[in-house]
Amino acid sequence: MKSRNVPQDFSKQRSAAHIGRTFATLVLAILCVHPGALHAQTKKTQRKSLPAGALKPARVDCGGGVELRVSAATPAQGTLLIAEVRSPDALSGVAGKWIDRDISFWQATGATVPKGVSVWRALIGVDLEQAAGDYKFTVTGKSQDGAAIRCDVPIAVRTGKFPTEHLKVAPNFVEPNPEQAAKAAEDQKKLRALYATVTPEKLWTGAFRIPLDGVKTGGNFGKRRVLNGKSNSPHSGVDLPSPTGTPVHAAQSGHVVLAEELYFAGNTVIIDHGFGVYTLYGHFSEIDAKVGDEVKVGDVIGKVGATGRVTGPHLHWGLEVDRARVNAMEIVGKH
């Protein structure tokens, strides 16, 4: 993956599978429909109770008093995981590896860190379409005396339980004309390049928030949409219904790296929060930020609208963590 104005050591490359998706899949995956539209045609998948221990954290003794913790040992597709390395002595060079992705750690400080303990944390994204199965997360580093540390923890990814929605929409929603298709393809190329770039520092401080005041929940993440009888990839963002003109706030501090109209997402803003964490805000009626802006948590970056391919006003809020599409609601409250 490329690094934003930093040495190539931080470079990463998007996986071939992700780049090789067909255009049709890319087109259908981004289509956003107002949360209340055509409710009668929505068929929700029966949600089963989680198996015993599904949400239990994973813990591994790395030796020398060092412990690796991951927030869930058996996460579902689209889950955001928190990894933590704890040591009674100082550590350096802590880094992680998850599937084909390099994971950045930062040294935690503040009231959440026990006295006399060195704590390093990282965010791990389980992509919405990551194949279910057994994987491992590897952490390396050095102890205070320079000794190498390596620790592996098994992670079993479960198939997510998401609803399916059947919609009848205008033909150009499913089959854009050549000009529209070219615009959509160019947008996707631009987004891939952005998400493949990692700023090797943590730009946020404090907890992430929901971008709309007074809103506590969002929907449609992972929803499979069957458009005019054609199945497509799952919806990768969270839909937050709200009237046109409602102020949209930055979920946390960072740098604005995109502020323009996209074919499917309409007027869109993307914020780079550092360490491969990006939030996307789509369908604005107005954009109140520009590329290069340094925003703080709570800053107004635009207003809710219905631009792009939608059936009504709402905010499409997306989260990518090291190129993995995860449920944005899971980062709320995380530091």
C-alpha atoms as a PDB file:
ATOM      1  CA  MET A   1       0.000   0.000   0.000  1.00  0.00           C
ATOM      2  CA  LYS A   2       1.232   3.437  -0.851  1.00  0.00           C
ATOM      3  CA  SER A   3       2.131   5.861   1.885  1.00  0.00           C
ATOM      4  CA  ARG A   4       0.959   9.463   1.914  1.00  0.00           C
ATOM      5  CA  ASN A   5       4.191  11.537   1.720  1.00  0.00           C
ATOM      6  CA  VAL A   6       6.211   8.960   3.657  1.00  0.00           C
ATOM      7  CA  PRO A   7       8.891   6.352   2.834  1.00  0.00           C
ATOM      8  CA  GLN A   8       7.960   3.274   0.824  1.00  0.00           C
ATOM      9  CA  ASP A   9       8.288   1.113   3.947  1.00  0.00           C
ATOM     10  CA  PHE A  10       4.670   1.843   4.586  1.00  0.00           C
ATOM     11  CA  SER A  11       3.536   0.916   1.076  1.00  0.00           C
ATOM     12  CA  LYS A  12       0.830  -1.651   0.484  1.00  0.00           C
ATOM     13  CA  GLN A  13      -0.837  -2.915  -2.657  1.00  0.00           C
ATOM     14  CA  ARG A  14      -4.522  -3.640  -3.054  1.00  0.00           C
ATOM     15  CA  SER A  15      -5.095  -7.341  -3.496  1.00  0.00           C
ATOM     16  CA  ALA A  16      -5.568  -8.632  -7.018  1.00  0.00           C
ATOM     17  CA  ALA A  17      -8.944 -10.053  -6.139  1.00  0.00           C
ATOM     18  CA  HIS A  18     -10.214  -6.687  -4.971  1.00  0.00           C
ATOM     19  CA  ILE A  19      -8.906  -4.904  -8.069  1.00  0.00           C
ATOM     20  CA  GLY A  20     -10.166  -7.627 -10.367  1.00  0.00           C
ATOM     21  CA  ARG A  21     -13.817  -7.297  -9.539  1.00  0.00           C
ATOM     22  CA  THR A  22     -15.952  -6.900 -12.616  1.00  0.00           C
ATOM     23  CA  PHE A  23     -17.342  -3.457 -13.354  1.00  0.00           C
ATOM     24  CA  ALA A  24     -20.893  -4.743 -13.016  1.00  0.00           C
ATOM     25  CA  THR A  25     -20.235  -5.812  -9.447  1.00  0.00           C
ATOM     26  CA  LEU A  26     -18.676  -2.434  -8.607  1.00  0.00           C
ATOM     27  CA  VAL A  27     -21.637  -0.626 -10.126  1.00  0.00           C
ATOM     28  CA  LEU A  28     -24.242  -2.563  -8.188  1.00  0.00           C
ATOM     29  CA  ALA A  29     -22.354  -2.613  -4.898  1.00  0.00           C
ATOM     30  CA  ILE A  30     -22.438   1.159  -4.495  1.00  0.00           C
ATOM     31  CA  LEU A  31     -26.095   1.766  -5.396  1.00  0.00           C
ATOM     32  CA  CYS A  32     -27.777   3.432  -2.423  1.00  0.00           C
ATOM     33  CA  VAL A  33     -31.503   3.385  -1.791  1.00  0.00           C
ATOM     34  CA  HIS A  34     -33.344   5.447   0.794  1.00  0.00           C
ATOM     35  CA  PRO A  35     -33.803   3.279   3.928  1.00  0.00           C
ATOM     36  CA  GLY A  36     -37.591   3.587   3.866  1.00  0.00           C
ATOM     37  CA  ALA A  37     -38.070   2.912   0.173  1.00  0.00           C
ATOM     38  CA  LEU A  38     -40.034  -0.115  -1.002  1.00  0.00           C
ATOM     39  CA  HIS A  39     -40.154  -1.609   2.469  1.00  0.00           C
ATOM     40  CA  ALA A  40     -42.770  -4.108   1.396  1.00  0.00           C
ATOM     41  CA  GLN A  41     -40.289  -5.679  -1.017  1.00  0.00           C
ATOM     42  CA  THR A  42     -37.649  -6.265   1.645  1.00  0.00           C
ATOM     43  CA  LYS A  43     -37.150  -9.808   2.872  1.00  0.00           C
ATOM     44  CA  LYS A  44     -34.955 -10.035   5.918  1.00  0.00           C
ATOM     45  CA  THR A  45     -32.790 -13.020   6.615  1.00  0.00           C
ATOM     46  CA  GLN A  46     -33.652 -14.789   9.862  1.00  0.00           C
ATOM     47  CA  ARG A  47     -30.975 -13.802  12.373  1.00  0.00           C
ATOM     48  CA  LYS A  48     -29.772 -16.709  14.462  1.00  0.00           C
ATOM     49  CA  SER A  49     -28.383 -16.330  17.956  1.00  0.00           C
ATOM     50  CA  LEU A  50     -24.605 -16.211  18.085  1.00  0.00           C
ATOM     51  CA  PRO A  51     -22.857 -19.444  19.013  1.00  0.00           C
ATOM     52  CA  ALA A  52     -21.524 -19.703  22.522  1.00  0.00           C
ATOM     53  CA  GLY A  53     -18.277 -17.790  22.838  1.00  0.00           C
ATOM     54  CA  ALA A  54     -18.663 -15.983  19.494  1.00  0.00           C
ATOM     55  CA  LEU A  55     -17.982 -12.595  21.030  1.00  0.00           C
ATOM     56  CA  LYS A  56     -15.367 -13.738  23.515  1.00  0.00           C
ATOM     57  CA  PRO A  57     -12.001 -12.039  23.084  1.00  0.00           C
ATOM     58  CA  ALA A  58      -8.910 -13.969  22.063  1.00  0.00           C
ATOM     59  CA  ARG A  59      -5.890 -13.889  24.400  1.00  0.00           C
ATOM     60  CA  VAL A  60      -2.436 -15.313  23.795  1.00  0.00           C
ATOM     61  CA  ASP A  61       0.575 -15.417  26.118  1.00  0.00           C
ATOM     62  CA  CYS A  62       3.533 -14.266  24.015  1.00  0.00           C
ATOM     63  CA  GLY A  63       6.063 -14.994  26.758  1.00  0.00           C
ATOM     64  CA  GLY A  64       8.074 -12.648  28.930  1.00  0.00           C
ATOM     65  CA  GLY A  65       4.886 -11.221  30.403  1.00  0.00           C
ATOM     66  CA  VAL A  66       3.705  -9.980  26.992  1.00  0.00           C
ATOM     67  CA  GLU A  67       0.058 -10.682  26.142  1.00  0.00           C
ATOM     68  CA  LEU A  68      -1.844 -10.245  22.861  1.00  0.00           C
ATOM     69  CA  ARG A  69      -5.578  -9.573  23.017  1.00  0.00           C
ATOM     70  CA  VAL A  70      -8.108  -9.361  20.163  1.00  0.00           C
ATOM     71  CA  SER A  71     -11.651  -8.194  20.886  1.00  0.00           C
ATOM     72  CA  ALA A  72     -13.354 -11.204  19.252  1.00  0.00           C
ATOM     73  CA  ALA A  73     -12.007 -14.669  18.469  1.00  0.00           C
ATOM     74  CA  THR A  74     -14.787 -15.505  15.988  1.00  0.00           C
ATOM     75  CA  PRO A  75     -15.914 -12.254  14.329  1.00  0.00           C
ATOM     76  CA  ALA A  76     -18.484 -12.068  11.546  1.00  0.00           C
ATOM     77  CA  GLN A  77     -17.831 -10.557   8.142  1.00  0.00           C
ATOM     78  CA  GLY A  78     -17.805  -6.750   8.317  1.00  0.00           C
ATOM     79  CA  THR A  79     -16.617  -6.622  11.953  1.00  0.00           C
ATOM     80  CA  LEU A  80     -14.148  -4.113  13.381  1.00  0.00           C
ATOM     81  CA  LEU A  81     -11.662  -5.725  15.772  1.00  0.00           C
ATOM     82  CA  ILE A  82      -9.484  -4.091  18.407  1.00  0.00           C
ATOM     83  CA  ALA A  83      -6.055  -5.629  18.977  1.00  0.00           C
ATOM     84  CA  GLU A  84      -4.005  -4.855  22.071  1.00  0.00           C
ATOM     85  CA  VAL A  85      -0.494  -5.853  23.128  1.00  0.00           C
ATOM     86  CA  ARG A  86       0.307  -5.523  26.848  1.00  0.00           C
ATOM     87  CA  SER A  87       3.717  -5.739  28.452  1.00  0.00           C
ATOM     88  CA  PRO A  88       5.154  -4.935  31.898  1.00  0.00           C
ATOM     89  CA  ASP A  89       8.186  -3.462  30.111  1.00  0.00           C
ATOM     90  CA  ALA A  90       8.601  -1.032  27.238  1.00  0.00           C
ATOM     91  CA  LEU A  91       8.177  -2.405  23.705  1.00  0.00           C
ATOM     92  CA  SER A  92       9.223  -1.020  20.333  1.00  0.00           C
ATOM     93  CA  GLY A  93       8.532  -1.709  16.665  1.00  0.00           C
ATOM     94  CA  VAL A  94       5.138  -3.329  17.342  1.00  0.00           C
ATOM     95  CA  ALA A  95       3.451  -4.273  14.059  1.00  0.00           C
ATOM     96  CA  GLY A  96       0.814  -6.723  12.868  1.00  0.00           C
ATOM     97  CA  LYS A  97      -0.096  -8.837   9.855  1.00  0.00           C
ATOM     98  CA  TRP A  98      -3.688  -9.771   8.990  1.00  0.00           C
ATOM     99  CA  ILE A  99      -4.158 -11.879   5.846  1.00  0.00           C
ATOM    100  CA  ASP A 100      -2.456  -9.731   3.138  1.00  0.00           C
ATOM    101  CA  ARG A 101      -2.530  -6.482   5.127  1.00  0.00           C
ATOM    102  CA  ASP A 102       0.066  -4.799   7.311  1.00  0.00           C
ATOM    103  CA  ILE A 103      -1.562  -3.537  10.522  1.00  0.00           C
ATOM    104  CA  SER A 104      -0.294  -0.393  12.249  1.00  0.00           C
ATOM    105  CA  PHE A 105      -0.114  -0.185  16.050  1.00  0.00           C
ATOM    106  CA  TRP A 106       0.081   2.938  18.195  1.00  0.00           C
ATOM    107  CA  GLN A 107       1.183   3.253  21.807  1.00  0.00           C
ATOM    108  CA  ALA A 108      -1.849   3.930  23.968  1.00  0.00           C
ATOM    109  CA  THR A 109      -1.829   6.572  26.678  1.00  0.00           C
ATOM    110  CA  GLY A 110      -4.303   8.044  29.109  1.00  0.00           C
ATOM    111  CA  ALA A 111      -6.757   6.748  31.659  1.00  0.00           C
ATOM    112  CA  THR A 112      -7.455   3.508  29.754  1.00  0.00           C
ATOM    113  CA  VAL A 113      -3.869   2.307  30.241  1.00  0.00           C
ATOM    114  CA  PRO A 114      -3.155   0.462  33.511  1.00  0.00           C
ATOM    115  CA  LYS A 115      -0.327   1.917  35.589  1.00  0.00           C
ATOM    116  CA  GLY A 116       3.011   0.278  34.944  1.00  0.00           C
ATOM    117  CA  VAL A 117       1.875  -1.427  31.723  1.00  0.00           C
ATOM    118  CA  SER A 118       2.996  -0.687  28.169  1.00  0.00           C
ATOM    119  CA  VAL A 119      -0.047  -0.934  25.877  1.00  0.00           C
ATOM    120  CA  TRP A 120      -0.119  -0.883  22.072  1.00  0.00           C
ATOM    121  CA  ARG A 121      -3.392  -0.901  20.115  1.00  0.00           C
ATOM    122  CA  ALA A 122      -4.527  -1.426  16.525  1.00  0.00           C
ATOM    123  CA  LEU A 123      -7.729  -1.614  14.487  1.00  0.00           C
ATOM    124  CA  ILE A 124      -8.342  -4.695  12.325  1.00  0.00           C
ATOM    125  CA  GLY A 125     -11.052  -4.751   9.685  1.00  0.00           C
ATOM    126  CA  VAL A 126     -12.730  -8.005   8.671  1.00  0.00           C
ATOM    127  CA  ASP A 127     -13.937  -7.216   5.161  1.00  0.00           C
ATOM    128  CA  LEU A 128     -17.624  -7.507   4.393  1.00  0.00           C
ATOM    129  CA  GLU A 129     -16.887 -10.245   1.852  1.00  0.00           C
ATOM    130  CA  GLN A 130     -13.919 -11.924   3.534  1.00  0.00           C
ATOM    131  CA  ALA A 131     -14.381 -15.650   3.034  1.00  0.00           C
ATOM    132  CA  ALA A 132     -15.475 -17.423   6.200  1.00  0.00           C
ATOM    133  CA  GLY A 133     -12.771 -19.635   7.622  1.00  0.00           C
ATOM    134  CA  ASP A 134      -9.762 -19.882   9.901  1.00  0.00           C
ATOM    135  CA  TYR A 135      -7.044 -17.210   9.798  1.00  0.00           C
ATOM    136  CA  LYS A 136      -4.316 -15.938  12.069  1.00  0.00           C
ATOM    137  CA  PHE A 137      -3.249 -12.501  13.221  1.00  0.00           C
ATOM    138  CA  THR A 138       0.481 -12.107  13.782  1.00  0.00           C
ATOM    139  CA  VAL A 139       2.221  -9.486  15.913  1.00  0.00           C
ATOM    140  CA  THR A 140       5.954  -8.776  16.024  1.00  0.00           C
ATOM    141  CA  GLY A 141       8.062  -6.339  18.008  1.00  0.00           C
ATOM    142  CA  LYS A 142      11.061  -5.961  20.266  1.00  0.00           C
ATOM    143  CA  SER A 143      11.378  -6.085  24.019  1.00  0.00           C
ATOM    144  CA  GLN A 144      13.239  -3.505  26.076  1.00  0.00           C
ATOM    145  CA  ASP A 145      16.483  -5.506  25.807  1.00  0.00           C
ATOM    146  CA  GLY A 146      16.135  -5.865  22.024  1.00  0.00           C
ATOM    147  CA  ALA A 147      14.844  -9.434  21.985  1.00  0.00           C
ATOM    148  CA  ALA A 148      12.436 -10.269  19.161  1.00  0.00           C
ATOM    149  CA  ILE A 149       8.793 -10.887  20.045  1.00  0.00           C
ATOM    150  CA  ARG A 150       6.346 -12.801  17.859  1.00  0.00           C
ATOM    151  CA  CYS A 151       2.828 -13.847  18.671  1.00  0.00           C
ATOM    152  CA  ASP A 152       0.064 -15.534  16.624  1.00  0.00           C
ATOM    153  CA  VAL A 153      -3.615 -15.636  17.497  1.00  0.00           C
ATOM    154  CA  PRO A 154      -6.187 -17.713  15.566  1.00  0.00           C
ATOM    155  CA  ILE A 155      -9.205 -15.803  14.229  1.00  0.00           C
ATOM    156  CA  ALA A 156     -12.205 -17.704  12.852  1.00  0.00           C
ATOM    157  CA  VAL A 157     -14.275 -15.491  10.525  1.00  0.00           C
ATOM    158  CA  ARG A 158     -17.982 -16.328  10.517  1.00  0.00           C
ATOM    159  CA  THR A 159     -20.462 -15.745   7.704  1.00  0.00           C
ATOM    160  CA  GLY A 160     -22.410 -12.564   8.419  1.00  0.00           C
ATOM    161  CA  LYS A 161     -26.181 -12.602   8.692  1.00  0.00           C
ATOM    162  CA  PHE A 162     -27.492  -9.822   6.478  1.00  0.00           C
ATOM    163  CA  PRO A 163     -30.960  -9.059   5.043  1.00  0.00           C
ATOM    164  CA  THR A 164     -31.868  -9.249   1.362  1.00  0.00           C
ATOM    165  CA  GLU A 165     -33.876  -6.584  -0.432  1.00  0.00           C
ATOM    166  CA  HIS A 166     -35.664  -6.954  -3.783  1.00  0.00           C
ATOM    167  CA  LEU A 167     -36.071  -3.691  -5.689  1.00  0.00           C
ATOM    168  CA  LYS A 168     -37.415  -2.575  -9.036  1.00  0.00           C
ATOM    169  CA  VAL A 169     -35.480   0.487 -10.160  1.00  0.00           C
ATOM    170  CA  ALA A 170     -34.842   2.521 -13.314  1.00  0.00           C
ATOM    171  CA  PRO A 171     -32.773   0.559 -15.847  1.00  0.00           C
ATOM    172  CA  ASN A 172     -29.828   2.995 -15.666  1.00  0.00           C
ATOM    173  CA  PHE A 173     -29.414   2.086 -11.976  1.00  0.00           C
ATOM    174  CA  VAL A 174     -28.429  -1.399 -13.101  1.00  0.00           C
ATOM    175  CA  GLU A 175     -27.102  -0.818 -16.615  1.00  0.00           C
ATOM    176  CA  PRO A 176     -25.617   2.688 -17.001  1.00  0.00           C
ATOM    177  CA  ASN A 177     -25.036   4.042 -20.484  1.00  0.00           C
ATOM    178  CA  PRO A 178     -21.419   4.106 -21.737  1.00  0.00           C
ATOM    179  CA  GLU A 179     -20.799   7.644 -20.488  1.00  0.00           C
ATOM    180  CA  GLN A 180     -22.197   6.856 -17.042  1.00  0.00           C
ATOM    181  CA  ALA A 181     -20.276   3.580 -16.902  1.00  0.00           C
ATOM    182  CA  ALA A 182     -17.027   5.371 -17.709  1.00  0.00           C
ATOM    183  CA  LYS A 183     -17.636   7.920 -14.937  1.00  0.00           C
ATOM    184  CA  ALA A 184     -18.434   5.188 -12.401  1.00  0.00           C
ATOM    185  CA  ALA A 185     -15.315   3.232 -13.370  1.00  0.00           C
ATOM    186  CA  GLU A 186     -13.137   6.330 -13.015  1.00  0.00           C
ATOM    187  CA  ASP A 187     -14.637   6.985  -9.576  1.00  0.00           C
ATOM    188  CA  GLN A 188     -13.796   3.464  -8.459  1.00  0.00           C
ATOM    189  CA  LYS A 189     -10.225   3.791  -9.695  1.00  0.00           C
ATOM    190  CA  LYS A 190      -9.866   6.988  -7.674  1.00  0.00           C
ATOM    191  CA  LEU A 191     -11.288   5.404  -4.524  1.00  0.00           C
ATOM    192  CA  ARG A 192      -9.011   2.373  -4.807  1.00  0.00           C
ATOM    193  CA  ALA A 193      -6.000   4.657  -5.010  1.00  0.00           C
ATOM    194  CA  LEU A 194      -7.111   6.612  -1.945  1.00  0.00           C
ATOM    195  CA  TYR A 195      -7.779   3.556   0.201  1.00  0.00           C
ATOM    196  CA  ALA A 196      -4.471   1.984  -0.881  1.00  0.00           C
ATOM    197  CA  THR A 197      -2.619   4.901   0.706  1.00  0.00           C
ATOM    198  CA  VAL A 198      -1.723   4.783   4.397  1.00  0.00           C
ATOM    199  CA  THR A 199      -0.780   7.820   6.452  1.00  0.00           C
ATOM    200  CA  PRO A 200       1.599   6.279   9.057  1.00  0.00           C
ATOM    201  CA  GLU A 201       0.303   8.205  12.029  1.00  0.00           C
ATOM    202  CA  LYS A 202      -2.826   8.378  14.137  1.00  0.00           C
ATOM    203  CA  LEU A 203      -4.620  11.604  13.231  1.00  0.00           C
ATOM    204  CA  TRP A 204      -7.554  11.201  15.594  1.00  0.00           C
ATOM    205  CA  THR A 205      -7.789  11.830  19.326  1.00  0.00           C
ATOM    206  CA  GLY A 206     -10.634  10.557  21.459  1.00  0.00           C
ATOM    207  CA  ALA A 207     -13.724   8.599  20.469  1.00  0.00           C
ATOM    208  CA  PHE A 208     -15.393   8.420  17.070  1.00  0.00           C
ATOM    209  CA  ARG A 209     -18.960   9.740  16.858  1.00  0.00           C
ATOM    210  CA  ILE A 210     -21.991   9.274  14.619  1.00  0.00           C
ATOM    211  CA  PRO A 211     -21.947  12.043  11.976  1.00  0.00           C
ATOM    212  CA  LEU A 212     -25.534  13.208  12.651  1.00  0.00           C
ATOM    213  CA  ASP A 213     -26.640  14.821  15.908  1.00  0.00           C
ATOM    214  CA  GLY A 214     -29.354  12.938  17.765  1.00  0.00           C
ATOM    215  CA  VAL A 215     -28.944   9.748  15.717  1.00  0.00           C
ATOM    216  CA  LYS A 216     -28.039   6.578  17.583  1.00  0.00           C
ATOM    217  CA  THR A 217     -28.455   3.804  15.021  1.00  0.00           C
ATOM    218  CA  GLY A 218     -27.997   3.163  11.313  1.00  0.00           C
ATOM    219  CA  GLY A 219     -29.106   0.454   8.933  1.00  0.00           C
ATOM    220  CA  ASN A 220     -28.582  -1.437   5.687  1.00  0.00           C
ATOM    221  CA  PHE A 221     -24.927  -2.404   6.220  1.00  0.00           C
ATOM    222  CA  GLY A 222     -24.263  -5.647   4.373  1.00  0.00           C
ATOM    223  CA  LYS A 223     -27.737  -5.739   2.848  1.00  0.00           C
ATOM    224  CA  ARG A 224     -27.888  -7.758  -0.351  1.00  0.00           C
ATOM    225  CA  ARG A 225     -29.878  -6.057  -3.071  1.00  0.00           C
ATOM    226  CA  VAL A 226     -31.566  -7.813  -5.960  1.00  0.00           C
ATOM    227  CA  LEU A 227     -32.220  -5.129  -8.565  1.00  0.00           C
ATOM    228  CA  ASN A 228     -34.731  -5.951 -11.284  1.00  0.00           C
ATOM    229  CA  GLY A 229     -34.067  -9.620 -10.562  1.00  0.00           C
ATOM    230  CA  LYS A 230     -30.263  -9.302 -10.699  1.00  0.00           C
ATOM    231  CA  SER A 231     -28.289 -10.103  -7.542  1.00  0.00           C
ATOM    232  CA  ASN A 232     -25.368  -7.848  -6.598  1.00  0.00           C
ATOM    233  CA  SER A 233     -22.707  -7.260  -3.982  1.00  0.00           C
ATOM    234  CA  PRO A 234     -23.684  -6.146  -0.465  1.00  0.00           C
ATOM    235  CA  HIS A 235     -24.220  -2.544   0.601  1.00  0.00           C
ATOM    236  CA  SER A 236     -20.920  -1.473   2.145  1.00  0.00           C
ATOM    237  CA  GLY A 237     -22.070   1.528   4.177  1.00  0.00           C
ATOM    238  CA  VAL A 238     -24.535   2.494   6.885  1.00  0.00           C
ATOM    239  CA  ASP A 239     -27.603   4.517   5.896  1.00  0.00           C
ATOM    240  CA  LEU A 240     -28.677   7.271   8.292  1.00  0.00           C
ATOM    241  CA  PRO A 241     -32.048   8.744   7.254  1.00  0.00           C
ATOM    242  CA  SER A 242     -32.414  12.481   7.827  1.00  0.00           C
ATOM    243  CA  PRO A 243     -34.047  15.482   6.097  1.00  0.00           C
ATOM    244  CA  THR A 244     -32.229  17.356   3.343  1.00  0.00           C
ATOM    245  CA  GLY A 245     -30.062  20.130   4.779  1.00  0.00           C
ATOM    246  CA  THR A 246     -29.236  18.386   8.061  1.00  0.00           C
ATOM    247  CA  PRO A 247     -25.613  19.198   9.041  1.00  0.00           C
ATOM    248  CA  VAL A 248     -23.165  16.308   8.740  1.00  0.00           C
ATOM    249  CA  HIS A 249     -20.245  16.263  11.183  1.00  0.00           C
ATOM    250  CA  ALA A 250     -16.796  14.705  10.883  1.00  0.00           C
ATOM    251  CA  ALA A 251     -16.772  11.476  12.888  1.00  0.00           C
ATOM    252  CA  GLN A 252     -13.234  12.266  14.026  1.00  0.00           C
ATOM    253  CA  SER A 253     -10.292  14.457  13.136  1.00  0.00           C
ATOM    254  CA  GLY A 254      -8.248  13.913  10.009  1.00  0.00           C
ATOM    255  CA  HIS A 255      -7.469  15.205   6.519  1.00  0.00           C
ATOM    256  CA  VAL A 256     -10.066  15.635   3.783  1.00  0.00           C
ATOM    257  CA  VAL A 257      -8.785  13.657   0.773  1.00  0.00           C
ATOM    258  CA  LEU A 258     -11.863  13.798  -1.458  1.00  0.00           C
ATOM    259  CA  ALA A 259     -14.673  16.349  -1.789  1.00  0.00           C
ATOM    260  CA  GLU A 260     -16.530  16.021  -5.075  1.00  0.00           C
ATOM    261  CA  GLU A 261     -19.461  14.487  -6.895  1.00  0.00           C
ATOM    262  CA  LEU A 262     -19.266  10.759  -7.604  1.00  0.00           C
ATOM    263  CA  TYR A 263     -21.594   8.954 -10.009  1.00  0.00           C
ATOM    264  CA  PHE A 264     -23.276   6.673  -7.489  1.00  0.00           C
ATOM    265  CA  ALA A 265     -22.524   8.333  -4.124  1.00  0.00           C
ATOM    266  CA  GLY A 266     -23.330  11.872  -5.316  1.00  0.00           C
ATOM    267  CA  ASN A 267     -21.660  14.730  -3.473  1.00  0.00           C
ATOM    268  CA  THR A 268     -19.098  12.933  -1.324  1.00  0.00           C
ATOM    269  CA  VAL A 269     -16.459  13.698   1.304  1.00  0.00           C
ATOM    270  CA  ILE A 270     -13.776  11.246   2.447  1.00  0.00           C
ATOM    271  CA  ILE A 271     -11.630  11.804   5.533  1.00  0.00           C
ATOM    272  CA  ASP A 272      -8.271  10.112   6.148  1.00  0.00           C
ATOM    273  CA  HIS A 273      -7.884   9.501   9.890  1.00  0.00           C
ATOM    274  CA  GLY A 274      -4.454   7.891   9.590  1.00  0.00           C
ATOM    275  CA  PHE A 275      -3.235   4.287   9.880  1.00  0.00           C
ATOM    276  CA  GLY A 276      -5.433   3.210   6.960  1.00  0.00           C
ATOM    277  CA  VAL A 277      -8.707   4.368   8.550  1.00  0.00           C
ATOM    278  CA  TYR A 278     -11.057   6.273   6.221  1.00  0.00           C
ATOM    279  CA  THR A 279     -14.653   7.459   6.614  1.00  0.00           C
ATOM    280  CA  LEU A 280     -16.867   8.258   3.622  1.00  0.00           C
ATOM    281  CA  TYR A 281     -19.930  10.537   3.665  1.00  0.00           C
ATOM    282  CA  GLY A 282     -22.215  10.388   0.612  1.00  0.00           C
ATOM    283  CA  HIS A 283     -25.273  11.972  -1.049  1.00  0.00           C
ATOM    284  CA  PHE A 284     -24.683  15.493   0.316  1.00  0.00           C
ATOM    285  CA  SER A 285     -26.900  18.316  -0.886  1.00  0.00           C
ATOM    286  CA  GLU A 286     -23.960  20.647  -0.158  1.00  0.00           C
ATOM    287  CA  ILE A 287     -20.264  20.022   0.441  1.00  0.00           C
ATOM    288  CA  ASP A 288     -18.729  22.247   3.125  1.00  0.00           C
ATOM    289  CA  ALA A 289     -15.143  20.969   2.974  1.00  0.00           C
ATOM    290  CA  LYS A 290     -12.356  20.814   0.427  1.00  0.00           C
ATOM    291  CA  VAL A 291      -9.398  18.546  -0.232  1.00  0.00           C
ATOM    292  CA  GLY A 292      -6.537  19.387   2.111  1.00  0.00           C
ATOM    293  CA  ASP A 293      -8.720  20.627   4.969  1.00  0.00           C
ATOM    294  CA  GLU A 294      -7.704  19.473   8.427  1.00  0.00           C
ATOM    295  CA  VAL A 295     -10.941  18.768  10.255  1.00  0.00           C
ATOM    296  CA  LYS A 296     -11.668  18.138  13.902  1.00  0.00           C
ATOM    297  CA  VAL A 297     -14.288  15.832  15.353  1.00  0.00           C
ATOM    298  CA  GLY A 298     -17.684  17.497  15.064  1.00  0.00           C
ATOM    299  CA  ASP A 299     -16.753  19.929  12.274  1.00  0.00           C
ATOM    300  CA  VAL A 300     -19.538  20.357   9.717  1.00  0.00           C
ATOM    301  CA  ILE A 301     -18.369  18.947   6.387  1.00  0.00           C
ATOM    302  CA  GLY A 302     -21.640  19.005   4.443  1.00  0.00           C
ATOM    303  CA  LYS A 303     -25.406  18.643   4.531  1.00  0.00           C
ATOM    304  CA  VAL A 304     -27.657  15.629   4.046  1.00  0.00           C
ATOM    305  CA  GLY A 305     -29.131  15.316   0.570  1.00  0.00           C
ATOM    306  CA  ALA A 306     -30.240  12.953  -2.165  1.00  0.00           C
ATOM    307  CA  THR A 307     -27.543  13.363  -4.819  1.00  0.00           C
ATOM    308  CA  GLY A 308     -26.219  10.409  -6.743  1.00  0.00           C
ATOM    309  CA  ARG A 309     -28.232   7.230  -7.207  1.00  0.00           C
ATOM    310  CA  VAL A 310     -30.762   7.341  -4.356  1.00  0.00           C
ATOM    311  CA  THR A 311     -34.524   7.330  -3.846  1.00  0.00           C
ATOM    312  CA  GLY A 312     -34.620   9.789  -0.945  1.00  0.00           C
ATOM    313  CA  PRO A 313     -32.493  11.963   1.350  1.00  0.00           C
ATOM    314  CA  HIS A 314     -30.135  10.204   3.753  1.00  0.00           C
ATOM    315  CA  LEU A 315     -26.464  10.022   4.704  1.00  0.00           C
ATOM    316  CA  HIS A 316     -24.435   7.099   3.425  1.00  0.00           C
ATOM    317  CA  TRP A 317     -21.631   6.594   5.960  1.00  0.00           C
ATOM    318  CA  GLY A 318     -18.843   4.189   5.083  1.00  0.00           C
ATOM    319  CA  LEU A 319     -15.757   2.959   6.928  1.00  0.00           C
ATOM    320  CA  GLU A 320     -12.632   1.359   5.453  1.00  0.00           C
ATOM    321  CA  VAL A 321      -9.861   0.022   7.674  1.00  0.00           C
ATOM    322  CA  ASP A 322      -6.782  -1.103   5.748  1.00  0.00           C
ATOM    323  CA  ARG A 323      -8.921  -1.633   2.636  1.00  0.00           C
ATOM    324  CA  ALA A 324     -11.500  -3.690   4.536  1.00  0.00           C
ATOM    325  CA  ARG A 325     -15.134  -2.545   4.399  1.00  0.00           C
ATOM    326  CA  VAL A 326     -16.547  -2.719   7.904  1.00  0.00           C
ATOM    327  CA  ASN A 327     -19.674  -1.555   9.708  1.00  0.00           C
ATOM    328  CA  ALA A 328     -19.114   2.135  10.516  1.00  0.00           C
ATOM    329  CA  MET A 329     -21.286   1.899  13.613  1.00  0.00           C
ATOM    330  CA  GLU A 330     -18.663  -0.344  15.211  1.00  0.00           C
ATOM    331  CA  ILE A 331     -16.100   2.462  15.381  1.00  0.00           C
ATOM    332  CA  VAL A 332     -18.427   4.717  17.376  1.00  0.00           C
ATOM    333  CA  GLY A 333     -16.987   5.194  20.862  1.00  0.00           C
ATOM    334  CA  LYS A 334     -13.622   3.714  19.887  1.00  0.00           C
ATOM    335  CA  HIS A 335     -10.498   5.768  20.659  1.00  0.00           C
END
